[in-house]
Amino acid sequence: ALKNADTSTAMLSDKMTAVKSTGAEYCTAGDSSCLMHIGGGLSR
């Protein structure tokens, strides 16, 4: 995510679009690192 920030951000954008399409209150996963990434984008 640091070395390839533009690619990482584009992938995050796709993931956020998918999450928002569900209408979910919460997105869960088994890794805090991925949740930190997704959550940072969703909050912004």
All heavy atoms as atom14 arrays in JSON, in Angstrom:
{
  "sequence": "ALKNADTSTAMLSDKMTAVKSTGAEYCTAGDSSCLMHIGGGLSR",
  "atom14_mask": [
    [1, 1, 1, 1, 1, 0, 0, 0, 0, 0, 0, 0, 0, 0],
    [1, 1, 1, 1, 1, 1, 1, 1, 0, 0, 0, 0, 0, 0],
    [1, 1, 1, 1, 1, 1, 1, 1, 1, 0, 0, 0, 0, 0],
    [1, 1, 1, 1, 1, 1, 1, 1, 0, 0, 0, 0, 0, 0],
    [1, 1, 1, 1, 1, 0, 0, 0, 0, 0, 0, 0, 0, 0],
    [1, 1, 1, 1, 1, 1, 1, 1, 0, 0, 0, 0, 0, 0],
    [1, 1, 1, 1, 1, 1, 1, 0, 0, 0, 0, 0, 0, 0],
    [1, 1, 1, 1, 1, 1, 0, 0, 0, 0, 0, 0, 0, 0],
    [1, 1, 1, 1, 1, 1, 1, 0, 0, 0, 0, 0, 0, 0],
    [1, 1, 1, 1, 1, 0, 0, 0, 0, 0, 0, 0, 0, 0],
    [1, 1, 1, 1, 1, 1, 1, 1, 0, 0, 0, 0, 0, 0],
    [1, 1, 1, 1, 1, 1, 1, 1, 0, 0, 0, 0, 0, 0],
    [1, 1, 1, 1, 1, 1, 0, 0, 0, 0, 0, 0, 0, 0],
    [1, 1, 1, 1, 1, 1, 1, 1, 0, 0, 0, 0, 0, 0],
    [1, 1, 1, 1, 1, 1, 1, 1, 1, 0, 0, 0, 0, 0],
    [1, 1, 1, 1, 1, 1, 1, 1, 0, 0, 0, 0, 0, 0],
    [1, 1, 1, 1, 1, 1, 1, 0, 0, 0, 0, 0, 0, 0],
    [1, 1, 1, 1, 1, 0, 0, 0, 0, 0, 0, 0, 0, 0],
    [1, 1, 1, 1, 1, 1, 1, 0, 0, 0, 0, 0, 0, 0],
    [1, 1, 1, 1, 1, 1, 1, 1, 1, 0, 0, 0, 0, 0],
    [1, 1, 1, 1, 1, 1, 0, 0, 0, 0, 0, 0, 0, 0],
    [1, 1, 1, 1, 1, 1, 1, 0, 0, 0, 0, 0, 0, 0],
    [1, 1, 1, 1, 0, 0, 0, 0, 0, 0, 0, 0, 0, 0],
    [1, 1, 1, 1, 1, 0, 0, 0, 0, 0, 0, 0, 0, 0],
    [1, 1, 1, 1, 1, 1, 1, 1, 1, 0, 0, 0, 0, 0],
    [1, 1, 1, 1, 1, 1, 1, 1, 1, 1, 1, 1, 0, 0],
    [1, 1, 1, 1, 1, 1, 0, 0, 0, 0, 0, 0, 0, 0],
    [1, 1, 1, 1, 1, 1, 1, 0, 0, 0, 0, 0, 0, 0],
    [1, 1, 1, 1, 1, 0, 0, 0, 0, 0, 0, 0, 0, 0],
    [1, 1, 1, 1, 0, 0, 0, 0, 0, 0, 0, 0, 0, 0],
    [1, 1, 1, 1, 1, 1, 1, 1, 0, 0, 0, 0, 0, 0],
    [1, 1, 1, 1, 1, 1, 0, 0, 0, 0, 0, 0, 0, 0],
    [1, 1, 1, 1, 1, 1, 0, 0, 0, 0, 0, 0, 0, 0],
    [1, 1, 1, 1, 1, 1, 0, 0, 0, 0, 0, 0, 0, 0],
    [1, 1, 1, 1, 1, 1, 1, 1, 0, 0, 0, 0, 0, 0],
    [1, 1, 1, 1, 1, 1, 1, 1, 0, 0, 0, 0, 0, 0],
    [1, 1, 1, 1, 1, 1, 1, 1, 1, 1, 0, 0, 0, 0],
    [1, 1, 1, 1, 1, 1, 1, 1, 0, 0, 0, 0, 0, 0],
    [1, 1, 1, 1, 0, 0, 0, 0, 0, 0, 0, 0, 0, 0],
    [1, 1, 1, 1, 0, 0, 0, 0, 0, 0, 0, 0, 0, 0],
    [1, 1, 1, 1, 0, 0, 0, 0, 0, 0, 0, 0, 0, 0],
    [1, 1, 1, 1, 1, 1, 1, 1, 0, 0, 0, 0, 0, 0],
    [1, 1, 1, 1, 1, 1, 0, 0, 0, 0, 0, 0, 0, 0],
    [1, 1, 1, 1, 1, 1, 1, 1, 1, 1, 1, 0, 0, 0]
  ],
  "atom14_positions": [
    [[0.82, -1.21, 0.0], [0.0, 0.0, 0.0], [0.85, 1.26, 0.0], [0.39, 2.32, -0.42], [-0.94, 0.0, 1.21], [0.0, 0.0, 0.0], [0.0, 0.0, 0.0], [0.0, 0.0, 0.0], [0.0, 0.0, 0.0], [0.0, 0.0, 0.0], [0.0, 0.0, 0.0], [0.0, 0.0, 0.0], [0.0, 0.0, 0.0], [0.0, 0.0, 0.0]],
    [[2.08, 1.15, 0.49], [2.99, 2.3, 0.51], [3.79, 2.4, -0.79], [3.96, 3.48, -1.36], [3.94, 2.2, 1.7], [3.29, 2.13, 3.09], [4.35, 1.94, 4.15], [2.48, 3.37, 3.37], [0.0, 0.0, 0.0], [0.0, 0.0, 0.0], [0.0, 0.0, 0.0], [0.0, 0.0, 0.0], [0.0, 0.0, 0.0], [0.0, 0.0, 0.0]],
    [[4.27, 1.26, -1.25], [5.12, 1.26, -2.44], [4.32, 1.42, -3.74], [4.85, 1.88, -4.75], [5.93, -0.03, -2.5], [6.96, -0.16, -1.38], [7.76, -1.43, -1.52], [8.85, -1.52, -0.47], [9.67, -2.74, -0.61], [0.0, 0.0, 0.0], [0.0, 0.0, 0.0], [0.0, 0.0, 0.0], [0.0, 0.0, 0.0], [0.0, 0.0, 0.0]],
    [[3.07, 0.99, -3.71], [2.22, 1.06, -4.9], [0.9, 1.74, -4.52], [-0.18, 1.16, -4.66], [1.95, -0.34, -5.45], [3.22, -1.08, -5.81], [3.76, -0.92, -6.89], [3.71, -1.9, -4.89], [0.0, 0.0, 0.0], [0.0, 0.0, 0.0], [0.0, 0.0, 0.0], [0.0, 0.0, 0.0], [0.0, 0.0, 0.0], [0.0, 0.0, 0.0]],
    [[1.0, 2.96, -4.04], [-0.14, 3.65, -3.46], [-1.29, 3.83, -4.45], [-2.46, 3.66, -4.09], [0.3, 5.0, -2.91], [0.0, 0.0, 0.0], [0.0, 0.0, 0.0], [0.0, 0.0, 0.0], [0.0, 0.0, 0.0], [0.0, 0.0, 0.0], [0.0, 0.0, 0.0], [0.0, 0.0, 0.0], [0.0, 0.0, 0.0], [0.0, 0.0, 0.0]],
    [[-0.98, 4.17, -5.7], [-2.05, 4.41, -6.66], [-2.83, 3.13, -6.95], [-4.07, 3.15, -7.02], [-1.46, 4.96, -7.97], [-0.93, 6.37, -7.81], [-1.3, 7.04, -6.81], [-0.14, 6.82, -8.67], [0.0, 0.0, 0.0], [0.0, 0.0, 0.0], [0.0, 0.0, 0.0], [0.0, 0.0, 0.0], [0.0, 0.0, 0.0], [0.0, 0.0, 0.0]],
    [[-2.12, 2.03, -7.13], [-2.79, 0.75, -7.38], [-3.6, 0.33, -6.16], [-4.75, -0.13, -6.27], [-1.76, -0.34, -7.72], [-1.0, 0.08, -8.85], [-2.45, -1.66, -8.02], [0.0, 0.0, 0.0], [0.0, 0.0, 0.0], [0.0, 0.0, 0.0], [0.0, 0.0, 0.0], [0.0, 0.0, 0.0], [0.0, 0.0, 0.0], [0.0, 0.0, 0.0]],
    [[-3.01, 0.49, -4.99], [-3.69, 0.15, -3.75], [-4.98, 0.94, -3.59], [-6.02, 0.4, -3.21], [-2.76, 0.41, -2.56], [-3.45, 0.24, -1.34], [0.0, 0.0, 0.0], [0.0, 0.0, 0.0], [0.0, 0.0, 0.0], [0.0, 0.0, 0.0], [0.0, 0.0, 0.0], [0.0, 0.0, 0.0], [0.0, 0.0, 0.0], [0.0, 0.0, 0.0]],
    [[-4.92, 2.23, -3.88], [-6.1, 3.09, -3.74], [-7.19, 2.7, -4.73], [-8.38, 2.72, -4.39], [-5.71, 4.56, -3.95], [-4.73, 4.93, -2.99], [-6.91, 5.47, -3.81], [0.0, 0.0, 0.0], [0.0, 0.0, 0.0], [0.0, 0.0, 0.0], [0.0, 0.0, 0.0], [0.0, 0.0, 0.0], [0.0, 0.0, 0.0], [0.0, 0.0, 0.0]],
    [[-6.8, 2.32, -5.94], [-7.79, 1.89, -6.93], [-8.49, 0.61, -6.49], [-9.71, 0.46, -6.64], [-7.11, 1.69, -8.29], [0.0, 0.0, 0.0], [0.0, 0.0, 0.0], [0.0, 0.0, 0.0], [0.0, 0.0, 0.0], [0.0, 0.0, 0.0], [0.0, 0.0, 0.0], [0.0, 0.0, 0.0], [0.0, 0.0, 0.0], [0.0, 0.0, 0.0]],
    [[-7.72, -0.32, -5.93], [-8.3, -1.57, -5.43], [-9.23, -1.29, -4.25], [-10.3, -1.9, -4.13], [-7.18, -2.54, -5.04], [-6.32, -2.97, -6.21], [-4.83, -3.85, -5.72], [-5.52, -5.44, -5.25], [0.0, 0.0, 0.0], [0.0, 0.0, 0.0], [0.0, 0.0, 0.0], [0.0, 0.0, 0.0], [0.0, 0.0, 0.0], [0.0, 0.0, 0.0]],
    [[-8.81, -0.39, -3.39], [-9.64, -0.01, -2.25], [-10.95, 0.6, -2.72], [-12.02, 0.32, -2.15], [-8.89, 0.98, -1.36], [-9.69, 1.61, -0.22], [-10.18, 0.54, 0.75], [-8.86, 2.66, 0.51], [0.0, 0.0, 0.0], [0.0, 0.0, 0.0], [0.0, 0.0, 0.0], [0.0, 0.0, 0.0], [0.0, 0.0, 0.0], [0.0, 0.0, 0.0]],
    [[-10.89, 1.42, -3.74], [-12.1, 2.05, -4.27], [-13.12, 1.01, -4.72], [-14.32, 1.12, -4.44], [-11.74, 2.98, -5.43], [-12.9, 3.58, -5.98], [0.0, 0.0, 0.0], [0.0, 0.0, 0.0], [0.0, 0.0, 0.0], [0.0, 0.0, 0.0], [0.0, 0.0, 0.0], [0.0, 0.0, 0.0], [0.0, 0.0, 0.0], [0.0, 0.0, 0.0]],
    [[-12.62, -0.02, -5.42], [-13.51, -1.1, -5.86], [-14.13, -1.83, -4.66], [-15.32, -2.17, -4.66], [-12.75, -2.1, -6.72], [-12.38, -1.54, -8.08], [-12.96, -0.51, -8.48], [-11.5, -2.14, -8.74], [0.0, 0.0, 0.0], [0.0, 0.0, 0.0], [0.0, 0.0, 0.0], [0.0, 0.0, 0.0], [0.0, 0.0, 0.0], [0.0, 0.0, 0.0]],
    [[-13.3, -2.07, -3.65], [-13.8, -2.78, -2.46], [-14.84, -1.94, -1.72], [-15.87, -2.47, -1.27], [-12.63, -3.13, -1.54], [-13.02, -3.92, -0.29], [-13.67, -5.25, -0.61], [-12.73, -6.19, -1.35], [-13.35, -7.55, -1.52], [0.0, 0.0, 0.0], [0.0, 0.0, 0.0], [0.0, 0.0, 0.0], [0.0, 0.0, 0.0], [0.0, 0.0, 0.0]],
    [[-14.6, -0.65, -1.6], [-15.56, 0.23, -0.92], [-16.88, 0.29, -1.67], [-17.96, 0.3, -1.06], [-14.98, 1.63, -0.76], [-13.86, 1.73, 0.25], [-13.48, 3.45, 0.67], [-12.98, 4.09, -0.93], [0.0, 0.0, 0.0], [0.0, 0.0, 0.0], [0.0, 0.0, 0.0], [0.0, 0.0, 0.0], [0.0, 0.0, 0.0], [0.0, 0.0, 0.0]],
    [[-16.82, 0.31, -3.0], [-18.05, 0.32, -3.8], [-18.87, -0.94, -3.53], [-20.09, -0.88, -3.39], [-17.7, 0.41, -5.31], [-17.03, 1.64, -5.56], [-18.97, 0.33, -6.15], [0.0, 0.0, 0.0], [0.0, 0.0, 0.0], [0.0, 0.0, 0.0], [0.0, 0.0, 0.0], [0.0, 0.0, 0.0], [0.0, 0.0, 0.0], [0.0, 0.0, 0.0]],
    [[-18.18, -2.06, -3.44], [-18.86, -3.33, -3.15], [-19.47, -3.32, -1.75], [-20.62, -3.74, -1.56], [-17.87, -4.49, -3.29], [0.0, 0.0, 0.0], [0.0, 0.0, 0.0], [0.0, 0.0, 0.0], [0.0, 0.0, 0.0], [0.0, 0.0, 0.0], [0.0, 0.0, 0.0], [0.0, 0.0, 0.0], [0.0, 0.0, 0.0], [0.0, 0.0, 0.0]],
    [[-18.72, -2.84, -0.78], [-19.23, -2.79, 0.6], [-20.45, -1.89, 0.69], [-21.48, -2.26, 1.29], [-18.12, -2.31, 1.57], [-18.7, -2.02, 2.95], [-17.0, -3.34, 1.68], [0.0, 0.0, 0.0], [0.0, 0.0, 0.0], [0.0, 0.0, 0.0], [0.0, 0.0, 0.0], [0.0, 0.0, 0.0], [0.0, 0.0, 0.0], [0.0, 0.0, 0.0]],
    [[-20.38, -0.73, 0.09], [-21.49, 0.22, 0.18], [-22.74, -0.3, -0.53], [-23.87, 0.02, -0.13], [-21.06, 1.58, -0.38], [-20.09, 2.32, 0.52], [-19.79, 3.73, 0.05], [-18.81, 3.75, -1.1], [-18.36, 5.13, -1.43], [0.0, 0.0, 0.0], [0.0, 0.0, 0.0], [0.0, 0.0, 0.0], [0.0, 0.0, 0.0], [0.0, 0.0, 0.0]],
    [[-22.55, -1.12, -1.56], [-23.7, -1.65, -2.29], [-24.54, -2.61, -1.46], [-25.7, -2.87, -1.77], [-23.22, -2.37, -3.56], [-22.63, -3.64, -3.26], [0.0, 0.0, 0.0], [0.0, 0.0, 0.0], [0.0, 0.0, 0.0], [0.0, 0.0, 0.0], [0.0, 0.0, 0.0], [0.0, 0.0, 0.0], [0.0, 0.0, 0.0], [0.0, 0.0, 0.0]],
    [[-23.96, -3.16, -0.39], [-24.68, -4.12, 0.45], [-25.63, -3.44, 1.43], [-26.52, -4.09, 1.98], [-23.7, -4.99, 1.26], [-23.01, -4.16, 2.22], [-22.7, -5.68, 0.35], [0.0, 0.0, 0.0], [0.0, 0.0, 0.0], [0.0, 0.0, 0.0], [0.0, 0.0, 0.0], [0.0, 0.0, 0.0], [0.0, 0.0, 0.0], [0.0, 0.0, 0.0]],
    [[-25.41, -2.15, 1.69], [-26.21, -1.47, 2.69], [-25.91, -1.92, 4.1], [-26.69, -1.69, 5.03], [0.0, 0.0, 0.0], [0.0, 0.0, 0.0], [0.0, 0.0, 0.0], [0.0, 0.0, 0.0], [0.0, 0.0, 0.0], [0.0, 0.0, 0.0], [0.0, 0.0, 0.0], [0.0, 0.0, 0.0], [0.0, 0.0, 0.0], [0.0, 0.0, 0.0]],
    [[-24.76, -2.56, 4.28], [-24.4, -3.08, 5.6], [-24.02, -1.97, 6.57], [-23.42, -0.96, 6.17], [-23.25, -4.07, 5.47], [0.0, 0.0, 0.0], [0.0, 0.0, 0.0], [0.0, 0.0, 0.0], [0.0, 0.0, 0.0], [0.0, 0.0, 0.0], [0.0, 0.0, 0.0], [0.0, 0.0, 0.0], [0.0, 0.0, 0.0], [0.0, 0.0, 0.0]],
    [[-24.34, -2.2, 7.83], [-23.89, -1.28, 8.88], [-22.42, -1.52, 9.21], [-21.7, -0.6, 9.58], [-24.72, -1.49, 10.14], [-26.2, -1.22, 10.01], [-26.93, -1.68, 11.26], [-26.8, -0.99, 12.31], [-27.62, -2.72, 11.2], [0.0, 0.0, 0.0], [0.0, 0.0, 0.0], [0.0, 0.0, 0.0], [0.0, 0.0, 0.0], [0.0, 0.0, 0.0]],
    [[-22.02, -2.8, 9.08], [-20.65, -3.19, 9.43], [-20.06, -4.08, 8.35], [-20.73, -4.95, 7.79], [-20.63, -3.94, 10.76], [-20.98, -3.09, 11.95], [-22.3, -3.03, 12.41], [-20.01, -2.35, 12.63], [-22.62, -2.25, 13.51], [-20.32, -1.58, 13.72], [-21.63, -1.52, 14.15], [-21.95, -0.74, 15.23], [0.0, 0.0, 0.0], [0.0, 0.0, 0.0]],
    [[-18.77, -3.88, 8.11], [-17.97, -4.8, 7.3], [-17.01, -5.5, 8.24], [-16.27, -4.84, 8.99], [-17.21, -4.05, 6.22], [-16.08, -5.09, 5.25], [0.0, 0.0, 0.0], [0.0, 0.0, 0.0], [0.0, 0.0, 0.0], [0.0, 0.0, 0.0], [0.0, 0.0, 0.0], [0.0, 0.0, 0.0], [0.0, 0.0, 0.0], [0.0, 0.0, 0.0]],
    [[-17.0, -6.82, 8.22], [-16.14, -7.57, 9.12], [-15.14, -8.41, 8.34], [-15.31, -8.69, 7.15], [-16.96, -8.47, 10.06], [-16.1, -9.0, 11.09], [-17.59, -9.64, 9.32], [0.0, 0.0, 0.0], [0.0, 0.0, 0.0], [0.0, 0.0, 0.0], [0.0, 0.0, 0.0], [0.0, 0.0, 0.0], [0.0, 0.0, 0.0], [0.0, 0.0, 0.0]],
    [[-14.07, -8.79, 9.01], [-13.02, -9.63, 8.43], [-12.22, -10.22, 9.58], [-12.42, -9.86, 10.75], [-12.12, -8.81, 7.5], [0.0, 0.0, 0.0], [0.0, 0.0, 0.0], [0.0, 0.0, 0.0], [0.0, 0.0, 0.0], [0.0, 0.0, 0.0], [0.0, 0.0, 0.0], [0.0, 0.0, 0.0], [0.0, 0.0, 0.0], [0.0, 0.0, 0.0]],
    [[-11.27, -11.09, 9.24], [-10.43, -11.73, 10.25], [-9.07, -11.09, 10.42], [-8.23, -11.61, 11.15], [0.0, 0.0, 0.0], [0.0, 0.0, 0.0], [0.0, 0.0, 0.0], [0.0, 0.0, 0.0], [0.0, 0.0, 0.0], [0.0, 0.0, 0.0], [0.0, 0.0, 0.0], [0.0, 0.0, 0.0], [0.0, 0.0, 0.0], [0.0, 0.0, 0.0]],
    [[-8.83, -9.96, 9.74], [-7.55, -9.27, 9.83], [-7.76, -7.79, 10.1], [-8.41, -7.09, 9.3], [-6.76, -9.43, 8.53], [-5.98, -10.72, 8.47], [-6.55, -11.72, 8.01], [-4.81, -10.72, 8.89], [0.0, 0.0, 0.0], [0.0, 0.0, 0.0], [0.0, 0.0, 0.0], [0.0, 0.0, 0.0], [0.0, 0.0, 0.0], [0.0, 0.0, 0.0]],
    [[-7.19, -7.29, 11.17], [-7.31, -5.86, 11.49], [-6.63, -4.98, 10.45], [-7.05, -3.84, 10.23], [-6.7, -5.58, 12.87], [-7.44, -6.2, 13.9], [0.0, 0.0, 0.0], [0.0, 0.0, 0.0], [0.0, 0.0, 0.0], [0.0, 0.0, 0.0], [0.0, 0.0, 0.0], [0.0, 0.0, 0.0], [0.0, 0.0, 0.0], [0.0, 0.0, 0.0]],
    [[-5.58, -5.49, 9.81], [-4.87, -4.7, 8.81], [-5.77, -4.35, 7.63], [-5.82, -3.19, 7.19], [-3.63, -5.46, 8.33], [-3.97, -6.76, 7.89], [0.0, 0.0, 0.0], [0.0, 0.0, 0.0], [0.0, 0.0, 0.0], [0.0, 0.0, 0.0], [0.0, 0.0, 0.0], [0.0, 0.0, 0.0], [0.0, 0.0, 0.0], [0.0, 0.0, 0.0]],
    [[-6.48, -5.33, 7.11], [-7.4, -5.08, 5.99], [-8.56, -4.19, 6.43], [-8.99, -3.31, 5.67], [-7.92, -6.39, 5.43], [-6.62, -7.46, 4.78], [0.0, 0.0, 0.0], [0.0, 0.0, 0.0], [0.0, 0.0, 0.0], [0.0, 0.0, 0.0], [0.0, 0.0, 0.0], [0.0, 0.0, 0.0], [0.0, 0.0, 0.0], [0.0, 0.0, 0.0]],
    [[-9.05, -4.42, 7.63], [-10.14, -3.59, 8.14], [-9.68, -2.14, 8.33], [-10.46, -1.21, 8.14], [-10.66, -4.16, 9.46], [-11.42, -5.48, 9.35], [-11.72, -6.04, 10.74], [-12.72, -5.29, 8.56], [0.0, 0.0, 0.0], [0.0, 0.0, 0.0], [0.0, 0.0, 0.0], [0.0, 0.0, 0.0], [0.0, 0.0, 0.0], [0.0, 0.0, 0.0]],
    [[-8.43, -1.95, 8.73], [-7.88, -0.61, 8.87], [-7.89, 0.1, 7.52], [-8.25, 1.28, 7.42], [-6.46, -0.68, 9.43], [-5.77, 0.67, 9.55], [-4.1, 0.53, 10.26], [-3.26, -0.37, 8.93], [0.0, 0.0, 0.0], [0.0, 0.0, 0.0], [0.0, 0.0, 0.0], [0.0, 0.0, 0.0], [0.0, 0.0, 0.0], [0.0, 0.0, 0.0]],
    [[-7.49, -0.62, 6.49], [-7.43, -0.07, 5.14], [-8.84, 0.27, 4.63], [-9.11, 1.39, 4.17], [-6.76, -1.09, 4.22], [-6.43, -0.59, 2.86], [-5.63, 0.51, 2.64], [-6.78, -1.06, 1.62], [-5.49, 0.71, 1.34], [-6.18, -0.23, 0.7], [0.0, 0.0, 0.0], [0.0, 0.0, 0.0], [0.0, 0.0, 0.0], [0.0, 0.0, 0.0]],
    [[-9.74, -0.7, 4.73], [-11.11, -0.49, 4.27], [-11.81, 0.58, 5.1], [-12.49, 1.47, 4.57], [-11.9, -1.82, 4.32], [-11.29, -2.84, 3.36], [-13.37, -1.58, 3.96], [-11.83, -4.25, 3.53], [0.0, 0.0, 0.0], [0.0, 0.0, 0.0], [0.0, 0.0, 0.0], [0.0, 0.0, 0.0], [0.0, 0.0, 0.0], [0.0, 0.0, 0.0]],
    [[-11.64, 0.49, 6.41], [-12.3, 1.44, 7.3], [-11.81, 2.86, 7.09], [-12.59, 3.82, 7.19], [0.0, 0.0, 0.0], [0.0, 0.0, 0.0], [0.0, 0.0, 0.0], [0.0, 0.0, 0.0], [0.0, 0.0, 0.0], [0.0, 0.0, 0.0], [0.0, 0.0, 0.0], [0.0, 0.0, 0.0], [0.0, 0.0, 0.0], [0.0, 0.0, 0.0]],
    [[-10.52, 3.02, 6.8], [-9.99, 4.35, 6.54], [-10.64, 4.97, 5.32], [-11.0, 6.15, 5.33], [0.0, 0.0, 0.0], [0.0, 0.0, 0.0], [0.0, 0.0, 0.0], [0.0, 0.0, 0.0], [0.0, 0.0, 0.0], [0.0, 0.0, 0.0], [0.0, 0.0, 0.0], [0.0, 0.0, 0.0], [0.0, 0.0, 0.0], [0.0, 0.0, 0.0]],
    [[-10.81, 4.16, 4.28], [-11.46, 4.67, 3.07], [-12.92, 4.99, 3.3], [-13.41, 6.04, 2.86], [0.0, 0.0, 0.0], [0.0, 0.0, 0.0], [0.0, 0.0, 0.0], [0.0, 0.0, 0.0], [0.0, 0.0, 0.0], [0.0, 0.0, 0.0], [0.0, 0.0, 0.0], [0.0, 0.0, 0.0], [0.0, 0.0, 0.0], [0.0, 0.0, 0.0]],
    [[-13.63, 4.11, 3.99], [-15.06, 4.33, 4.25], [-15.29, 5.58, 5.09], [-16.23, 6.34, 4.85], [-15.66, 3.11, 4.94], [-15.77, 1.83, 4.1], [-16.2, 0.66, 4.98], [-16.75, 2.02, 2.94], [0.0, 0.0, 0.0], [0.0, 0.0, 0.0], [0.0, 0.0, 0.0], [0.0, 0.0, 0.0], [0.0, 0.0, 0.0], [0.0, 0.0, 0.0]],
    [[-14.43, 5.8, 6.06], [-14.61, 6.97, 6.92], [-14.38, 8.27, 6.15], [-15.07, 9.27, 6.39], [-13.66, 6.9, 8.13], [-12.31, 7.03, 7.73], [0.0, 0.0, 0.0], [0.0, 0.0, 0.0], [0.0, 0.0, 0.0], [0.0, 0.0, 0.0], [0.0, 0.0, 0.0], [0.0, 0.0, 0.0], [0.0, 0.0, 0.0], [0.0, 0.0, 0.0]],
    [[-13.44, 8.24, 5.23], [-13.13, 9.45, 4.46], [-14.21, 9.8, 3.45], [-14.35, 10.95, 3.04], [-11.77, 9.31, 3.76], [-10.6, 9.47, 4.73], [-9.3, 8.97, 4.14], [-8.17, 9.22, 5.02], [-7.9, 8.53, 6.13], [-8.7, 7.52, 6.48], [-6.86, 8.82, 6.88], [0.0, 0.0, 0.0], [0.0, 0.0, 0.0], [0.0, 0.0, 0.0]]
  ]
}
